[in-house]
């Protein structure tokens, strides 16, 4: 199973989201443990008040990106 596929019953591949301000990438499979986001956390489940750890951009400033 590749790192872009889910494990378990979710069925959809993990996605990556890139900050349009600084280019930092959030990978759903990896999460952001240093920011309190567990591995496997879907973008929709990241809190709306979460901000980019590099530049402080809002969640609205991220776009889904294929890597």
C-alpha atoms as a PDB file:
ATOM      1  CA  UNK A   1       0.000   0.000   0.000  1.00  0.00           C
ATOM      2  CA  UNK A   2       1.468   3.380  -0.939  1.00  0.00           C
ATOM      3  CA  UNK A   3       1.709   6.306   1.470  1.00  0.00           C
ATOM      4  CA  UNK A   4      -1.100   8.039  -0.460  1.00  0.00           C
ATOM      5  CA  UNK A   5      -3.621   5.304   0.271  1.00  0.00           C
ATOM      6  CA  UNK A   6      -5.682   4.923   3.383  1.00  0.00           C
ATOM      7  CA  UNK A   7      -5.434   2.030   5.737  1.00  0.00           C
ATOM      8  CA  UNK A   8      -8.768   0.765   6.948  1.00  0.00           C
ATOM      9  CA  UNK A   9     -12.253   1.498   5.677  1.00  0.00           C
ATOM     10  CA  UNK A  10     -12.136   5.170   4.757  1.00  0.00           C
ATOM     11  CA  UNK A  11     -11.666   4.306   1.086  1.00  0.00           C
ATOM     12  CA  UNK A  12     -10.331   7.621  -0.223  1.00  0.00           C
ATOM     13  CA  UNK A  13      -6.648   8.354  -0.756  1.00  0.00           C
ATOM     14  CA  UNK A  14      -4.951  10.795   1.577  1.00  0.00           C
ATOM     15  CA  UNK A  15      -4.418  14.228   0.069  1.00  0.00           C
ATOM     16  CA  UNK A  16      -1.865  17.000   0.464  1.00  0.00           C
ATOM     17  CA  UNK A  17      -2.676  20.681   0.958  1.00  0.00           C
ATOM     18  CA  UNK A  18      -0.224  23.491   0.213  1.00  0.00           C
ATOM     19  CA  UNK A  19      -0.112  26.944   1.769  1.00  0.00           C
ATOM     20  CA  UNK A  20      -0.485  29.473  -1.034  1.00  0.00           C
ATOM     21  CA  UNK A  21       1.474  32.037   0.964  1.00  0.00           C
ATOM     22  CA  UNK A  22       4.675  30.154   1.837  1.00  0.00           C
ATOM     23  CA  UNK A  23       4.447  26.720   0.182  1.00  0.00           C
ATOM     24  CA  UNK A  24       4.345  24.646   3.402  1.00  0.00           C
ATOM     25  CA  UNK A  25       2.587  21.323   2.726  1.00  0.00           C
ATOM     26  CA  UNK A  26       0.099  19.533   4.989  1.00  0.00           C
ATOM     27  CA  UNK A  27       0.015  15.797   4.245  1.00  0.00           C
ATOM     28  CA  UNK A  28      -3.085  14.066   5.637  1.00  0.00           C
ATOM     29  CA  UNK A  29      -1.176  10.786   6.017  1.00  0.00           C
ATOM     30  CA  UNK A  30       1.599  12.395   8.071  1.00  0.00           C
ATOM     31  CA  UNK A  31      -0.514  14.973   9.900  1.00  0.00           C
ATOM     32  CA  UNK A  32       1.337  17.710  11.768  1.00  0.00           C
ATOM     33  CA  UNK A  33       2.212  16.164  15.152  1.00  0.00           C
ATOM     34  CA  UNK A  34       4.294  19.179  16.221  1.00  0.00           C
ATOM     35  CA  UNK A  35       1.134  21.274  15.713  1.00  0.00           C
ATOM     36  CA  UNK A  36      -1.175  18.832  17.543  1.00  0.00           C
ATOM     37  CA  UNK A  37      -2.631  17.252  14.377  1.00  0.00           C
ATOM     38  CA  UNK A  38      -2.367  13.450  14.459  1.00  0.00           C
ATOM     39  CA  UNK A  39      -1.239  11.408  11.437  1.00  0.00           C
ATOM     40  CA  UNK A  40      -4.219  10.374   9.315  1.00  0.00           C
ATOM     41  CA  UNK A  41      -6.201  13.545  10.095  1.00  0.00           C
ATOM     42  CA  UNK A  42      -8.226  14.620   7.061  1.00  0.00           C
ATOM     43  CA  UNK A  43      -8.061  18.276   6.035  1.00  0.00           C
ATOM     44  CA  UNK A  44     -11.789  18.667   6.764  1.00  0.00           C
ATOM     45  CA  UNK A  45     -11.092  17.560  10.344  1.00  0.00           C
ATOM     46  CA  UNK A  46      -8.312  20.116  10.928  1.00  0.00           C
ATOM     47  CA  UNK A  47      -9.841  22.891  13.079  1.00  0.00           C
ATOM     48  CA  UNK A  48     -10.935  26.038  11.203  1.00  0.00           C
ATOM     49  CA  UNK A  49      -8.841  28.214  13.540  1.00  0.00           C
ATOM     50  CA  UNK A  50      -5.652  26.258  12.733  1.00  0.00           C
ATOM     51  CA  UNK A  51      -2.931  28.310  11.029  1.00  0.00           C
ATOM     52  CA  UNK A  52       0.117  27.476   8.925  1.00  0.00           C
ATOM     53  CA  UNK A  53       3.050  26.689  11.232  1.00  0.00           C
ATOM     54  CA  UNK A  54       5.469  28.497   8.900  1.00  0.00           C
ATOM     55  CA  UNK A  55       3.708  31.779   8.100  1.00  0.00           C
ATOM     56  CA  UNK A  56       0.483  31.906  10.133  1.00  0.00           C
ATOM     57  CA  UNK A  57      -1.810  31.794   7.078  1.00  0.00           C
ATOM     58  CA  UNK A  58      -5.386  30.680   7.648  1.00  0.00           C
ATOM     59  CA  UNK A  59      -6.761  27.340   6.523  1.00  0.00           C
ATOM     60  CA  UNK A  60      -8.569  29.184   3.693  1.00  0.00           C
ATOM     61  CA  UNK A  61      -5.144  29.999   2.234  1.00  0.00           C
ATOM     62  CA  UNK A  62      -4.402  26.319   1.473  1.00  0.00           C
ATOM     63  CA  UNK A  63      -5.146  24.484  -1.757  1.00  0.00           C
ATOM     64  CA  UNK A  64      -5.258  20.736  -2.433  1.00  0.00           C
ATOM     65  CA  UNK A  65      -2.125  19.707  -4.322  1.00  0.00           C
ATOM     66  CA  UNK A  66      -1.047  16.453  -5.941  1.00  0.00           C
ATOM     67  CA  UNK A  67       2.519  15.553  -5.018  1.00  0.00           C
END
